[in-house]
Amino acid sequence: MAVYGGRLNPGIRELKEQWYKPDQNTADFVVLFPGVAEYPGFTQERAVLAAFGNAARTYRLGSYTVLVWNRNLLSKLS
């Protein structure tokens, strides 16, 4: 994911349209990670919360933050 114009957008490796169809798939979490040399990471928690509202649960595992909701987030993406 990336943030452009204040909105969440798929990154170059996340462009398969069928992945974002809420009637075919479910996504109820977002993983935030500061990145490593091979991968820039994604740390835009404020943008994620603006798009999906407050998470039901938050887990912190080392450098990772996992935000979890009790609903399919794909239905909130256009």
PDB file of N, CA and C in Angstrom:
ATOM      1  N   MET A   1       0.838  -1.185   0.000  1.00  0.00           N
ATOM      2  CA  MET A   1       0.000   0.000   0.000  1.00  0.00           C
ATOM      3  C   MET A   1       0.877   1.240   0.000  1.00  0.00           C
ATOM      4  N   ALA A   2       0.309   2.282  -0.512  1.00  0.00           N
ATOM      5  CA  ALA A   2       0.957   3.586  -0.512  1.00  0.00           C
ATOM      6  C   ALA A   2      -0.135   4.635  -0.314  1.00  0.00           C
ATOM      7  N   VAL A   3       0.257   5.800   0.108  1.00  0.00           N
ATOM      8  CA  VAL A   3      -0.698   6.892   0.307  1.00  0.00           C
ATOM      9  C   VAL A   3      -0.413   7.954  -0.745  1.00  0.00           C
ATOM     10  N   TYR A   4      -1.415   8.240  -1.571  1.00  0.00           N
ATOM     11  CA  TYR A   4      -1.336   9.294  -2.580  1.00  0.00           C
ATOM     12  C   TYR A   4      -2.576  10.153  -2.447  1.00  0.00           C
ATOM     13  N   GLY A   5      -2.373  11.438  -2.350  1.00  0.00           N
ATOM     14  CA  GLY A   5      -3.513  12.341  -2.215  1.00  0.00           C
ATOM     15  C   GLY A   5      -4.341  12.061  -0.975  1.00  0.00           C
ATOM     16  N   GLY A   6      -3.687  11.570   0.082  1.00  0.00           N
ATOM     17  CA  GLY A   6      -4.391  11.285   1.323  1.00  0.00           C
ATOM     18  C   GLY A   6      -5.221  10.012   1.300  1.00  0.00           C
ATOM     19  N   ARG A   7      -5.095   9.223   0.227  1.00  0.00           N
ATOM     20  CA  ARG A   7      -5.869   7.977   0.100  1.00  0.00           C
ATOM     21  C   ARG A   7      -4.937   6.780  -0.002  1.00  0.00           C
ATOM     22  N   LEU A   8      -5.399   5.646   0.495  1.00  0.00           N
ATOM     23  CA  LEU A   8      -4.646   4.404   0.350  1.00  0.00           C
ATOM     24  C   LEU A   8      -4.772   3.904  -1.076  1.00  0.00           C
ATOM     25  N   ASN A   9      -3.675   3.478  -1.644  1.00  0.00           N
ATOM     26  CA  ASN A   9      -3.645   2.950  -3.003  1.00  0.00           C
ATOM     27  C   ASN A   9      -2.748   1.725  -3.038  1.00  0.00           C
ATOM     28  N   PRO A  10      -3.071   0.763  -3.897  1.00  0.00           N
ATOM     29  CA  PRO A  10      -2.203  -0.405  -4.000  1.00  0.00           C
ATOM     30  C   PRO A  10      -0.836  -0.029  -4.551  1.00  0.00           C
ATOM     31  N   GLY A  11       0.186  -0.710  -4.044  1.00  0.00           N
ATOM     32  CA  GLY A  11       1.531  -0.525  -4.568  1.00  0.00           C
ATOM     33  C   GLY A  11       1.691  -1.308  -5.858  1.00  0.00           C
ATOM     34  N   ILE A  12       2.836  -1.194  -6.471  1.00  0.00           N
ATOM     35  CA  ILE A  12       3.077  -1.824  -7.767  1.00  0.00           C
ATOM     36  C   ILE A  12       2.960  -3.348  -7.714  1.00  0.00           C
ATOM     37  N   ARG A  13       3.218  -3.950  -6.568  1.00  0.00           N
ATOM     38  CA  ARG A  13       3.121  -5.402  -6.425  1.00  0.00           C
ATOM     39  C   ARG A  13       1.730  -5.856  -5.986  1.00  0.00           C
ATOM     40  N   GLU A  14       0.811  -4.936  -5.889  1.00  0.00           N
ATOM     41  CA  GLU A  14      -0.520  -5.234  -5.362  1.00  0.00           C
ATOM     42  C   GLU A  14      -1.620  -4.831  -6.336  1.00  0.00           C
ATOM     43  N   LEU A  15      -1.422  -5.106  -7.611  1.00  0.00           N
ATOM     44  CA  LEU A  15      -2.313  -4.566  -8.628  1.00  0.00           C
ATOM     45  C   LEU A  15      -3.340  -5.534  -9.203  1.00  0.00           C
ATOM     46  N   LYS A  16      -3.458  -6.732  -8.690  1.00  0.00           N
ATOM     47  CA  LYS A  16      -4.463  -7.648  -9.232  1.00  0.00           C
ATOM     48  C   LYS A  16      -5.844  -7.233  -8.737  1.00  0.00           C
ATOM     49  N   GLU A  17      -6.641  -6.770  -9.670  1.00  0.00           N
ATOM     50  CA  GLU A  17      -7.965  -6.232  -9.335  1.00  0.00           C
ATOM     51  C   GLU A  17      -8.821  -7.241  -8.569  1.00  0.00           C
ATOM     52  N   GLN A  18      -8.723  -8.514  -8.914  1.00  0.00           N
ATOM     53  CA  GLN A  18      -9.562  -9.526  -8.269  1.00  0.00           C
ATOM     54  C   GLN A  18      -9.278  -9.640  -6.768  1.00  0.00           C
ATOM     55  N   TRP A  19      -8.096  -9.240  -6.304  1.00  0.00           N
ATOM     56  CA  TRP A  19      -7.775  -9.305  -4.881  1.00  0.00           C
ATOM     57  C   TRP A  19      -8.649  -8.363  -4.064  1.00  0.00           C
ATOM     58  N   TYR A  20      -9.162  -7.317  -4.680  1.00  0.00           N
ATOM     59  CA  TYR A  20      -9.879  -6.265  -3.960  1.00  0.00           C
ATOM     60  C   TYR A  20     -11.398  -6.402  -4.037  1.00  0.00           C
ATOM     61  N   LYS A  21     -11.895  -7.506  -4.543  1.00  0.00           N
ATOM     62  CA  LYS A  21     -13.337  -7.727  -4.653  1.00  0.00           C
ATOM     63  C   LYS A  21     -13.858  -8.333  -3.349  1.00  0.00           C
ATOM     64  N   PRO A  22     -14.653  -7.566  -2.579  1.00  0.00           N
ATOM     65  CA  PRO A  22     -15.103  -8.052  -1.276  1.00  0.00           C
ATOM     66  C   PRO A  22     -16.037  -9.255  -1.345  1.00  0.00           C
ATOM     67  N   ASP A  23     -16.650  -9.501  -2.504  1.00  0.00           N
ATOM     68  CA  ASP A  23     -17.510 -10.679  -2.619  1.00  0.00           C
ATOM     69  C   ASP A  23     -16.700 -11.943  -2.887  1.00  0.00           C
ATOM     70  N   GLN A  24     -15.404 -11.795  -3.174  1.00  0.00           N
ATOM     71  CA  GLN A  24     -14.547 -12.948  -3.453  1.00  0.00           C
ATOM     72  C   GLN A  24     -13.431 -13.143  -2.428  1.00  0.00           C
ATOM     73  N   ASN A  25     -13.090 -12.087  -1.694  1.00  0.00           N
ATOM     74  CA  ASN A  25     -11.970 -12.140  -0.760  1.00  0.00           C
ATOM     75  C   ASN A  25     -12.291 -11.406   0.527  1.00  0.00           C
ATOM     76  N   THR A  26     -11.508 -11.687   1.541  1.00  0.00           N
ATOM     77  CA  THR A  26     -11.667 -11.023   2.832  1.00  0.00           C
ATOM     78  C   THR A  26     -10.312 -10.515   3.306  1.00  0.00           C
ATOM     79  N   ALA A  27     -10.295  -9.301   3.779  1.00  0.00           N
ATOM     80  CA  ALA A  27      -9.107  -8.725   4.415  1.00  0.00           C
ATOM     81  C   ALA A  27      -9.596  -7.993   5.657  1.00  0.00           C
ATOM     82  N   ASP A  28      -9.133  -8.433   6.813  1.00  0.00           N
ATOM     83  CA  ASP A  28      -9.576  -7.784   8.045  1.00  0.00           C
ATOM     84  C   ASP A  28      -8.405  -7.282   8.886  1.00  0.00           C
ATOM     85  N   PHE A  29      -7.227  -7.181   8.275  1.00  0.00           N
ATOM     86  CA  PHE A  29      -6.067  -6.682   9.006  1.00  0.00           C
ATOM     87  C   PHE A  29      -5.136  -5.908   8.075  1.00  0.00           C
ATOM     88  N   VAL A  30      -4.319  -5.060   8.677  1.00  0.00           N
ATOM     89  CA  VAL A  30      -3.272  -4.320   7.970  1.00  0.00           C
ATOM     90  C   VAL A  30      -2.004  -4.468   8.804  1.00  0.00           C
ATOM     91  N   VAL A  31      -0.901  -4.752   8.131  1.00  0.00           N
ATOM     92  CA  VAL A  31       0.396  -4.881   8.798  1.00  0.00           C
ATOM     93  C   VAL A  31       1.232  -3.651   8.494  1.00  0.00           C
ATOM     94  N   LEU A  32       1.703  -2.989   9.532  1.00  0.00           N
ATOM     95  CA  LEU A  32       2.595  -1.850   9.405  1.00  0.00           C
ATOM     96  C   LEU A  32       4.006  -2.318   9.737  1.00  0.00           C
ATOM     97  N   PHE A  33       4.984  -1.877   8.943  1.00  0.00           N
ATOM     98  CA  PHE A  33       6.367  -2.304   9.139  1.00  0.00           C
ATOM     99  C   PHE A  33       7.291  -1.223   8.594  1.00  0.00           C
ATOM    100  N   PRO A  34       8.319  -0.823   9.352  1.00  0.00           N
ATOM    101  CA  PRO A  34       9.181   0.259   8.898  1.00  0.00           C
ATOM    102  C   PRO A  34      10.049  -0.083   7.691  1.00  0.00           C
ATOM    103  N   GLY A  35      10.178  -1.343   7.354  1.00  0.00           N
ATOM    104  CA  GLY A  35      10.905  -1.723   6.155  1.00  0.00           C
ATOM    105  C   GLY A  35      12.319  -2.213   6.409  1.00  0.00           C
ATOM    106  N   VAL A  36      12.894  -2.737   5.359  1.00  0.00           N
ATOM    107  CA  VAL A  36      14.282  -3.206   5.324  1.00  0.00           C
ATOM    108  C   VAL A  36      14.851  -2.785   3.971  1.00  0.00           C
ATOM    109  N   ALA A  37      16.107  -3.062   3.733  1.00  0.00           N
ATOM    110  CA  ALA A  37      16.763  -2.621   2.495  1.00  0.00           C
ATOM    111  C   ALA A  37      16.012  -3.067   1.239  1.00  0.00           C
ATOM    112  N   GLU A  38      15.487  -4.292   1.216  1.00  0.00           N
ATOM    113  CA  GLU A  38      14.815  -4.818   0.024  1.00  0.00           C
ATOM    114  C   GLU A  38      13.356  -4.369  -0.105  1.00  0.00           C
ATOM    115  N   TYR A  39      12.795  -3.861   0.969  1.00  0.00           N
ATOM    116  CA  TYR A  39      11.382  -3.489   0.975  1.00  0.00           C
ATOM    117  C   TYR A  39      11.217  -2.221   1.802  1.00  0.00           C
ATOM    118  N   PRO A  40      10.634  -1.174   1.233  1.00  0.00           N
ATOM    119  CA  PRO A  40      10.551   0.091   1.950  1.00  0.00           C
ATOM    120  C   PRO A  40       9.606   0.087   3.141  1.00  0.00           C
ATOM    121  N   GLY A  41       8.734  -0.891   3.233  1.00  0.00           N
ATOM    122  CA  GLY A  41       7.808  -0.951   4.361  1.00  0.00           C
ATOM    123  C   GLY A  41       6.588  -0.069   4.175  1.00  0.00           C
ATOM    124  N   PHE A  42       5.768  -0.053   5.190  1.00  0.00           N
ATOM    125  CA  PHE A  42       4.549   0.755   5.188  1.00  0.00           C
ATOM    126  C   PHE A  42       4.246   1.124   6.626  1.00  0.00           C
ATOM    127  N   THR A  43       4.237   2.416   6.933  1.00  0.00           N
ATOM    128  CA  THR A  43       4.047   2.879   8.311  1.00  0.00           C
ATOM    129  C   THR A  43       2.932   3.908   8.444  1.00  0.00           C
ATOM    130  N   GLN A  44       2.078   4.029   7.456  1.00  0.00           N
ATOM    131  CA  GLN A  44       1.069   5.088   7.416  1.00  0.00           C
ATOM    132  C   GLN A  44      -0.171   4.750   8.254  1.00  0.00           C
ATOM    133  N   GLU A  45       0.025   4.570   9.546  1.00  0.00           N
ATOM    134  CA  GLU A  45      -1.093   4.191  10.425  1.00  0.00           C
ATOM    135  C   GLU A  45      -2.212   5.220  10.385  1.00  0.00           C
ATOM    136  N   ARG A  46      -1.884   6.476  10.356  1.00  0.00           N
ATOM    137  CA  ARG A  46      -2.909   7.533  10.340  1.00  0.00           C
ATOM    138  C   ARG A  46      -3.805   7.406   9.106  1.00  0.00           C
ATOM    139  N   ALA A  47      -3.211   7.127   7.955  1.00  0.00           N
ATOM    140  CA  ALA A  47      -3.993   6.960   6.719  1.00  0.00           C
ATOM    141  C   ALA A  47      -4.863   5.708   6.787  1.00  0.00           C
ATOM    142  N   VAL A  48      -4.337   4.643   7.366  1.00  0.00           N
ATOM    143  CA  VAL A  48      -5.109   3.401   7.501  1.00  0.00           C
ATOM    144  C   VAL A  48      -6.324   3.638   8.398  1.00  0.00           C
ATOM    145  N   LEU A  49      -6.115   4.298   9.523  1.00  0.00           N
ATOM    146  CA  LEU A  49      -7.229   4.563  10.442  1.00  0.00           C
ATOM    147  C   LEU A  49      -8.238   5.531   9.827  1.00  0.00           C
ATOM    148  N   ALA A  50      -7.768   6.480   9.032  1.00  0.00           N
ATOM    149  CA  ALA A  50      -8.690   7.396   8.351  1.00  0.00           C
ATOM    150  C   ALA A  50      -9.549   6.636   7.343  1.00  0.00           C
ATOM    151  N   ALA A  51      -8.976   5.643   6.682  1.00  0.00           N
ATOM    152  CA  ALA A  51      -9.710   4.872   5.675  1.00  0.00           C
ATOM    153  C   ALA A  51     -10.675   3.872   6.299  1.00  0.00           C
ATOM    154  N   PHE A  52     -10.267   3.224   7.379  1.00  0.00           N
ATOM    155  CA  PHE A  52     -11.035   2.094   7.906  1.00  0.00           C
ATOM    156  C   PHE A  52     -11.619   2.305   9.297  1.00  0.00           C
ATOM    157  N   GLY A  53     -11.293   3.406   9.963  1.00  0.00           N
ATOM    158  CA  GLY A  53     -11.757   3.624  11.325  1.00  0.00           C
ATOM    159  C   GLY A  53     -10.847   2.908  12.311  1.00  0.00           C
ATOM    160  N   ASN A  54     -11.173   3.027  13.576  1.00  0.00           N
ATOM    161  CA  ASN A  54     -10.345   2.425  14.614  1.00  0.00           C
ATOM    162  C   ASN A  54     -10.360   0.904  14.523  1.00  0.00           C
ATOM    163  N   ALA A  55      -9.203   0.310  14.734  1.00  0.00           N
ATOM    164  CA  ALA A  55      -9.081  -1.150  14.729  1.00  0.00           C
ATOM    165  C   ALA A  55      -9.699  -1.721  15.996  1.00  0.00           C
ATOM    166  N   ALA A  56     -10.223  -2.933  15.891  1.00  0.00           N
ATOM    167  CA  ALA A  56     -10.779  -3.623  17.058  1.00  0.00           C
ATOM    168  C   ALA A  56      -9.656  -4.088  17.981  1.00  0.00           C
ATOM    169  N   ARG A  57      -8.525  -4.487  17.388  1.00  0.00           N
ATOM    170  CA  ARG A  57      -7.382  -4.955  18.151  1.00  0.00           C
ATOM    171  C   ARG A  57      -6.095  -4.496  17.472  1.00  0.00           C
ATOM    172  N   THR A  58      -5.066  -4.307  18.273  1.00  0.00           N
ATOM    173  CA  THR A  58      -3.739  -3.955  17.763  1.00  0.00           C
ATOM    174  C   THR A  58      -2.723  -4.867  18.428  1.00  0.00           C
ATOM    175  N   TYR A  59      -1.874  -5.461  17.599  1.00  0.00           N
ATOM    176  CA  TYR A  59      -0.817  -6.336  18.099  1.00  0.00           C
ATOM    177  C   TYR A  59       0.524  -5.740  17.690  1.00  0.00           C
ATOM    178  N   ARG A  60       1.478  -5.816  18.581  1.00  0.00           N
ATOM    179  CA  ARG A  60       2.836  -5.371  18.272  1.00  0.00           C
ATOM    180  C   ARG A  60       3.762  -6.572  18.404  1.00  0.00           C
ATOM    181  N   LEU A  61       4.422  -6.888  17.303  1.00  0.00           N
ATOM    182  CA  LEU A  61       5.321  -8.029  17.240  1.00  0.00           C
ATOM    183  C   LEU A  61       6.658  -7.557  16.683  1.00  0.00           C
ATOM    184  N   GLY A  62       7.616  -7.284  17.549  1.00  0.00           N
ATOM    185  CA  GLY A  62       8.890  -6.744  17.090  1.00  0.00           C
ATOM    186  C   GLY A  62       8.673  -5.421  16.377  1.00  0.00           C
ATOM    187  N   SER A  63       9.135  -5.324  15.137  1.00  0.00           N
ATOM    188  CA  SER A  63       8.976  -4.097  14.343  1.00  0.00           C
ATOM    189  C   SER A  63       7.613  -3.985  13.673  1.00  0.00           C
ATOM    190  N   TYR A  64       6.804  -5.018  13.768  1.00  0.00           N
ATOM    191  CA  TYR A  64       5.507  -5.051  13.098  1.00  0.00           C
ATOM    192  C   TYR A  64       4.403  -4.548  14.027  1.00  0.00           C
ATOM    193  N   THR A  65       3.443  -3.852  13.441  1.00  0.00           N
ATOM    194  CA  THR A  65       2.185  -3.518  14.111  1.00  0.00           C
ATOM    195  C   THR A  65       1.085  -4.108  13.243  1.00  0.00           C
ATOM    196  N   VAL A  66       0.218  -4.910  13.851  1.00  0.00           N
ATOM    197  CA  VAL A  66      -0.883  -5.539  13.122  1.00  0.00           C
ATOM    198  C   VAL A  66      -2.180  -4.959  13.650  1.00  0.00           C
ATOM    199  N   LEU A  67      -2.920  -4.291  12.783  1.00  0.00           N
ATOM    200  CA  LEU A  67      -4.222  -3.715  13.120  1.00  0.00           C
ATOM    201  C   LEU A  67      -5.291  -4.657  12.590  1.00  0.00           C
ATOM    202  N   VAL A  68      -6.258  -5.020  13.447  1.00  0.00           N
ATOM    203  CA  VAL A  68      -7.278  -6.003  13.083  1.00  0.00           C
ATOM    204  C   VAL A  68      -8.670  -5.411  13.301  1.00  0.00           C
ATOM    205  N   TRP A  69      -9.551  -5.619  12.333  1.00  0.00           N
ATOM    206  CA  TRP A  69     -10.945  -5.176  12.408  1.00  0.00           C
ATOM    207  C   TRP A  69     -11.865  -6.385  12.426  1.00  0.00           C
ATOM    208  N   ASN A  70     -13.102  -6.181  12.821  1.00  0.00           N
ATOM    209  CA  ASN A  70     -14.114  -7.240  12.846  1.00  0.00           C
ATOM    210  C   ASN A  70     -15.001  -7.167  11.604  1.00  0.00           C
ATOM    211  N   ARG A  71     -14.438  -6.732  10.480  1.00  0.00           N
ATOM    212  CA  ARG A  71     -15.190  -6.626   9.228  1.00  0.00           C
ATOM    213  C   ARG A  71     -14.226  -6.718   8.049  1.00  0.00           C
ATOM    214  N   ASN A  72     -14.789  -6.918   6.879  1.00  0.00           N
ATOM    215  CA  ASN A  72     -13.990  -7.011   5.657  1.00  0.00           C
ATOM    216  C   ASN A  72     -13.636  -5.590   5.194  1.00  0.00           C
ATOM    217  N   LEU A  73     -12.373  -5.273   5.216  1.00  0.00           N
ATOM    218  CA  LEU A  73     -11.913  -3.938   4.832  1.00  0.00           C
ATOM    219  C   LEU A  73     -12.043  -3.677   3.334  1.00  0.00           C
ATOM    220  N   LEU A  74     -12.121  -4.719   2.542  1.00  0.00           N
ATOM    221  CA  LEU A  74     -12.209  -4.540   1.093  1.00  0.00           C
ATOM    222  C   LEU A  74     -13.464  -3.782   0.695  1.00  0.00           C
ATOM    223  N   SER A  75     -14.515  -3.880   1.482  1.00  0.00           N
ATOM    224  CA  SER A  75     -15.762  -3.181   1.141  1.00  0.00           C
ATOM    225  C   SER A  75     -15.609  -1.661   1.313  1.00  0.00           C
ATOM    226  N   LYS A  76     -14.557  -1.206   1.973  1.00  0.00           N
ATOM    227  CA  LYS A  76     -14.315   0.229   2.155  1.00  0.00           C
ATOM    228  C   LYS A  76     -13.416   0.808   1.063  1.00  0.00           C
ATOM    229  N   LEU A  77     -12.852  -0.049   0.210  1.00  0.00           N
ATOM    230  CA  LEU A  77     -11.984   0.431  -0.861  1.00  0.00           C
ATOM    231  C   LEU A  77     -12.803   0.645  -2.134  1.00  0.00           C
ATOM    232  N   SER A  78     -12.437   1.684  -2.888  1.00  0.00           N
ATOM    233  CA  SER A  78     -13.171   1.912  -4.140  1.00  0.00           C
ATOM    234  C   SER A  78     -12.398   1.352  -5.310  1.00  0.00           C
TER     235      SER A  78
END
